[in-house]
Amino acid sequence: NYALQFFSEEEFSLVQNLLNFILPKTDSPSAVDVGVDQIMDAMVGTVYSPDQKEKFSASFAALKPFCTSVSQLEHLKDAVSSSEEKDQMVRSAFLEIKQQTIAYYLSTEEVATTYLNYLPIPGNYEACISLESVGGKAWAL
């Protein structure tokens, strides 16, 4: 029962397709499974300035045609890896959303506490420790 802050219902569905393309479910949850879609909507809707919202809307508009289906998302790979001038906006928009997706994903409570090392209260500082000594997992931020 999430109330959308920025995207329309149709756009939100496209965002979910895109986020699950960027971070699909594997041995860890997908981006949508941990609520990255809602975080992104809330951030753009409540934190972005009007100018930033307008810029984000223009970027997202360049990605919309690729987000309607799995086969279209495969075409997104081609557009992002293309060096043609006409694909510059798509590439830029995709990289911006991909960066946000990964940052929000790693910041979620579920990912931070289950899939990364997490210390709610920092202990003693230990410089230069091996990854194996902390269970082989990277640290949550």
C-alpha atoms as a PDB file:
ATOM      1  CA  ASN A   1       0.000   0.000   0.000  1.00  0.00           C
ATOM      2  CA  TYR A   2       2.621   2.499  -1.074  1.00  0.00           C
ATOM      3  CA  ALA A   3       1.436   5.980  -2.123  1.00  0.00           C
ATOM      4  CA  LEU A   4       3.432   7.176  -5.124  1.00  0.00           C
ATOM      5  CA  GLN A   5       5.265  10.487  -4.689  1.00  0.00           C
ATOM      6  CA  PHE A   6       6.581  11.145  -8.193  1.00  0.00           C
ATOM      7  CA  PHE A   7       5.877   8.450 -10.772  1.00  0.00           C
ATOM      8  CA  SER A   8       2.513   7.563 -12.288  1.00  0.00           C
ATOM      9  CA  GLU A   9       1.330   3.960 -11.864  1.00  0.00           C
ATOM     10  CA  GLU A  10       2.474   3.153 -15.413  1.00  0.00           C
ATOM     11  CA  GLU A  11       5.875   4.778 -14.924  1.00  0.00           C
ATOM     12  CA  PHE A  12       6.314   3.016 -11.584  1.00  0.00           C
ATOM     13  CA  SER A  13       5.752  -0.326 -13.294  1.00  0.00           C
ATOM     14  CA  LEU A  14       8.408   0.591 -15.863  1.00  0.00           C
ATOM     15  CA  VAL A  15      10.784   1.613 -13.061  1.00  0.00           C
ATOM     16  CA  GLN A  16      10.254  -1.765 -11.420  1.00  0.00           C
ATOM     17  CA  ASN A  17      11.090  -3.544 -14.692  1.00  0.00           C
ATOM     18  CA  LEU A  18      14.230  -1.471 -15.048  1.00  0.00           C
ATOM     19  CA  LEU A  19      15.370  -1.983 -11.451  1.00  0.00           C
ATOM     20  CA  ASN A  20      14.865  -5.739 -11.683  1.00  0.00           C
ATOM     21  CA  PHE A  21      16.916  -5.658 -14.877  1.00  0.00           C
ATOM     22  CA  ILE A  22      19.735  -3.822 -13.086  1.00  0.00           C
ATOM     23  CA  LEU A  23      19.635  -5.955  -9.907  1.00  0.00           C
ATOM     24  CA  PRO A  24      17.627  -9.151 -10.506  1.00  0.00           C
ATOM     25  CA  LYS A  25      16.895 -11.741  -7.858  1.00  0.00           C
ATOM     26  CA  THR A  26      19.779 -14.186  -7.468  1.00  0.00           C
ATOM     27  CA  ASP A  27      20.985 -15.639  -4.169  1.00  0.00           C
ATOM     28  CA  SER A  28      20.129 -12.176  -2.836  1.00  0.00           C
ATOM     29  CA  PRO A  29      16.837 -10.293  -3.285  1.00  0.00           C
ATOM     30  CA  SER A  30      16.136  -8.110  -6.302  1.00  0.00           C
ATOM     31  CA  ALA A  31      16.095  -4.319  -6.111  1.00  0.00           C
ATOM     32  CA  VAL A  32      12.293  -4.303  -6.058  1.00  0.00           C
ATOM     33  CA  ASP A  33      12.169  -7.054  -3.397  1.00  0.00           C
ATOM     34  CA  VAL A  34      13.903  -4.705  -0.932  1.00  0.00           C
ATOM     35  CA  GLY A  35      11.934  -1.586  -1.919  1.00  0.00           C
ATOM     36  CA  VAL A  36      14.436   0.304  -4.065  1.00  0.00           C
ATOM     37  CA  ASP A  37      11.571   1.285  -6.376  1.00  0.00           C
ATOM     38  CA  GLN A  38       9.779   2.986  -3.496  1.00  0.00           C
ATOM     39  CA  ILE A  39      12.973   4.631  -2.245  1.00  0.00           C
ATOM     40  CA  MET A  40      13.677   6.035  -5.712  1.00  0.00           C
ATOM     41  CA  ASP A  41      10.122   7.346  -6.040  1.00  0.00           C
ATOM     42  CA  ALA A  42      10.267   8.964  -2.600  1.00  0.00           C
ATOM     43  CA  MET A  43      13.681  10.519  -3.197  1.00  0.00           C
ATOM     44  CA  VAL A  44      12.742  12.050  -6.534  1.00  0.00           C
ATOM     45  CA  GLY A  45       9.298  13.081  -5.292  1.00  0.00           C
ATOM     46  CA  THR A  46      10.278  14.640  -1.994  1.00  0.00           C
ATOM     47  CA  VAL A  47      13.990  15.484  -2.056  1.00  0.00           C
ATOM     48  CA  TYR A  48      14.697  16.627  -5.613  1.00  0.00           C
ATOM     49  CA  SER A  49      14.257  20.282  -6.491  1.00  0.00           C
ATOM     50  CA  PRO A  50      11.849  21.172  -9.319  1.00  0.00           C
ATOM     51  CA  ASP A  51      14.803  21.520 -11.727  1.00  0.00           C
ATOM     52  CA  GLN A  52      16.208  18.149 -10.689  1.00  0.00           C
ATOM     53  CA  LYS A  53      12.785  16.545 -11.110  1.00  0.00           C
ATOM     54  CA  GLU A  54      12.507  17.980 -14.602  1.00  0.00           C
ATOM     55  CA  LYS A  55      15.957  16.691 -15.531  1.00  0.00           C
ATOM     56  CA  PHE A  56      15.171  13.262 -14.067  1.00  0.00           C
ATOM     57  CA  SER A  57      11.877  13.144 -16.008  1.00  0.00           C
ATOM     58  CA  ALA A  58      13.693  13.908 -19.261  1.00  0.00           C
ATOM     59  CA  SER A  59      16.269  11.203 -18.565  1.00  0.00           C
ATOM     60  CA  PHE A  60      13.627   8.674 -17.628  1.00  0.00           C
ATOM     61  CA  ALA A  61      11.660   9.508 -20.788  1.00  0.00           C
ATOM     62  CA  ALA A  62      14.696   8.384 -22.821  1.00  0.00           C
ATOM     63  CA  LEU A  63      14.594   5.013 -21.022  1.00  0.00           C
ATOM     64  CA  LYS A  64      10.826   4.412 -21.093  1.00  0.00           C
ATOM     65  CA  PRO A  65      10.736   2.681 -24.506  1.00  0.00           C
ATOM     66  CA  PHE A  66      13.225   0.098 -23.233  1.00  0.00           C
ATOM     67  CA  CYS A  67      11.397  -0.739 -19.994  1.00  0.00           C
ATOM     68  CA  THR A  68       8.176  -2.229 -21.331  1.00  0.00           C
ATOM     69  CA  SER A  69       9.352  -5.844 -21.625  1.00  0.00           C
ATOM     70  CA  VAL A  70      12.295  -8.176 -21.136  1.00  0.00           C
ATOM     71  CA  SER A  71      13.022  -8.154 -24.869  1.00  0.00           C
ATOM     72  CA  GLN A  72      13.076  -4.353 -24.887  1.00  0.00           C
ATOM     73  CA  LEU A  73      15.443  -4.346 -21.916  1.00  0.00           C
ATOM     74  CA  GLU A  74      17.801  -6.495 -23.975  1.00  0.00           C
ATOM     75  CA  HIS A  75      17.837  -3.682 -26.562  1.00  0.00           C
ATOM     76  CA  LEU A  76      18.814  -1.336 -23.743  1.00  0.00           C
ATOM     77  CA  LYS A  77      22.094  -3.250 -23.407  1.00  0.00           C
ATOM     78  CA  ASP A  78      22.851  -2.454 -27.049  1.00  0.00           C
ATOM     79  CA  ALA A  79      21.975   1.227 -26.661  1.00  0.00           C
ATOM     80  CA  VAL A  80      24.073   1.595 -23.508  1.00  0.00           C
ATOM     81  CA  SER A  81      27.117  -0.042 -25.091  1.00  0.00           C
ATOM     82  CA  SER A  82      26.725   1.928 -28.332  1.00  0.00           C
ATOM     83  CA  SER A  83      29.084   4.796 -29.053  1.00  0.00           C
ATOM     84  CA  GLU A  84      26.622   6.528 -31.375  1.00  0.00           C
ATOM     85  CA  GLU A  85      25.608  10.093 -30.554  1.00  0.00           C
ATOM     86  CA  LYS A  86      21.883   9.240 -30.700  1.00  0.00           C
ATOM     87  CA  ASP A  87      22.300   6.807 -27.779  1.00  0.00           C
ATOM     88  CA  GLN A  88      24.127   9.288 -25.517  1.00  0.00           C
ATOM     89  CA  MET A  89      20.978  10.345 -23.600  1.00  0.00           C
ATOM     90  CA  VAL A  90      19.940   6.720 -23.039  1.00  0.00           C
ATOM     91  CA  ARG A  91      23.420   5.768 -21.838  1.00  0.00           C
ATOM     92  CA  SER A  92      23.605   8.758 -19.490  1.00  0.00           C
ATOM     93  CA  ALA A  93      20.106   8.164 -18.082  1.00  0.00           C
ATOM     94  CA  PHE A  94      20.765   4.464 -17.558  1.00  0.00           C
ATOM     95  CA  LEU A  95      24.051   5.055 -15.744  1.00  0.00           C
ATOM     96  CA  GLU A  96      22.409   7.635 -13.453  1.00  0.00           C
ATOM     97  CA  ILE A  97      19.568   5.292 -12.494  1.00  0.00           C
ATOM     98  CA  LYS A  98      21.933   2.333 -12.181  1.00  0.00           C
ATOM     99  CA  GLN A  99      24.124   4.293  -9.759  1.00  0.00           C
ATOM    100  CA  GLN A 100      21.117   5.301  -7.655  1.00  0.00           C
ATOM    101  CA  THR A 101      19.763   1.743  -7.697  1.00  0.00           C
ATOM    102  CA  ILE A 102      22.983   0.252  -6.395  1.00  0.00           C
ATOM    103  CA  ALA A 103      23.405   2.922  -3.715  1.00  0.00           C
ATOM    104  CA  TYR A 104      19.824   2.558  -2.469  1.00  0.00           C
ATOM    105  CA  TYR A 105      20.069  -1.261  -2.633  1.00  0.00           C
ATOM    106  CA  LEU A 106      23.209  -1.401  -0.497  1.00  0.00           C
ATOM    107  CA  SER A 107      21.623   1.021   1.986  1.00  0.00           C
ATOM    108  CA  THR A 108      18.498  -1.051   2.630  1.00  0.00           C
ATOM    109  CA  GLU A 109      18.238  -2.698   6.021  1.00  0.00           C
ATOM    110  CA  GLU A 110      17.750  -6.200   4.609  1.00  0.00           C
ATOM    111  CA  VAL A 111      20.802  -6.092   2.355  1.00  0.00           C
ATOM    112  CA  ALA A 112      22.977  -4.313   4.929  1.00  0.00           C
ATOM    113  CA  THR A 113      22.180  -6.708   7.763  1.00  0.00           C
ATOM    114  CA  THR A 114      21.808  -9.985   5.842  1.00  0.00           C
ATOM    115  CA  TYR A 115      24.220  -9.786   2.921  1.00  0.00           C
ATOM    116  CA  LEU A 116      26.897  -7.384   4.158  1.00  0.00           C
ATOM    117  CA  ASN A 117      28.802  -7.096   7.419  1.00  0.00           C
ATOM    118  CA  TYR A 118      27.010  -4.671   9.684  1.00  0.00           C
ATOM    119  CA  LEU A 119      27.915  -3.180  13.032  1.00  0.00           C
ATOM    120  CA  PRO A 120      25.125  -1.032  14.462  1.00  0.00           C
ATOM    121  CA  ILE A 121      27.551   0.306  17.063  1.00  0.00           C
ATOM    122  CA  PRO A 122      31.166   0.509  15.899  1.00  0.00           C
ATOM    123  CA  GLY A 123      33.764  -1.286  17.969  1.00  0.00           C
ATOM    124  CA  ASN A 124      37.525  -0.890  18.031  1.00  0.00           C
ATOM    125  CA  TYR A 125      39.212   0.203  14.848  1.00  0.00           C
ATOM    126  CA  GLU A 126      41.239  -2.596  13.271  1.00  0.00           C
ATOM    127  CA  ALA A 127      43.291  -1.501  10.273  1.00  0.00           C
ATOM    128  CA  CYS A 128      44.198  -3.840   7.409  1.00  0.00           C
ATOM    129  CA  ILE A 129      42.128  -6.896   8.309  1.00  0.00           C
ATOM    130  CA  SER A 130      41.520  -9.698   5.844  1.00  0.00           C
ATOM    131  CA  LEU A 131      38.116 -10.188   4.249  1.00  0.00           C
ATOM    132  CA  GLU A 132      38.122 -13.793   5.492  1.00  0.00           C
ATOM    133  CA  SER A 133      38.394 -12.646   9.108  1.00  0.00           C
ATOM    134  CA  VAL A 134      34.998 -10.926   8.785  1.00  0.00           C
ATOM    135  CA  GLY A 135      33.139 -13.763   7.080  1.00  0.00           C
ATOM    136  CA  GLY A 136      34.151 -12.918   3.504  1.00  0.00           C
ATOM    137  CA  LYS A 137      31.523 -10.196   3.114  1.00  0.00           C
ATOM    138  CA  ALA A 138      31.948  -6.508   2.329  1.00  0.00           C
ATOM    139  CA  TRP A 139      30.862  -3.932   4.895  1.00  0.00           C
ATOM    140  CA  ALA A 140      27.530  -2.126   4.901  1.00  0.00           C
ATOM    141  CA  LEU A 141      27.760   1.644   4.999  1.00  0.00           C
END
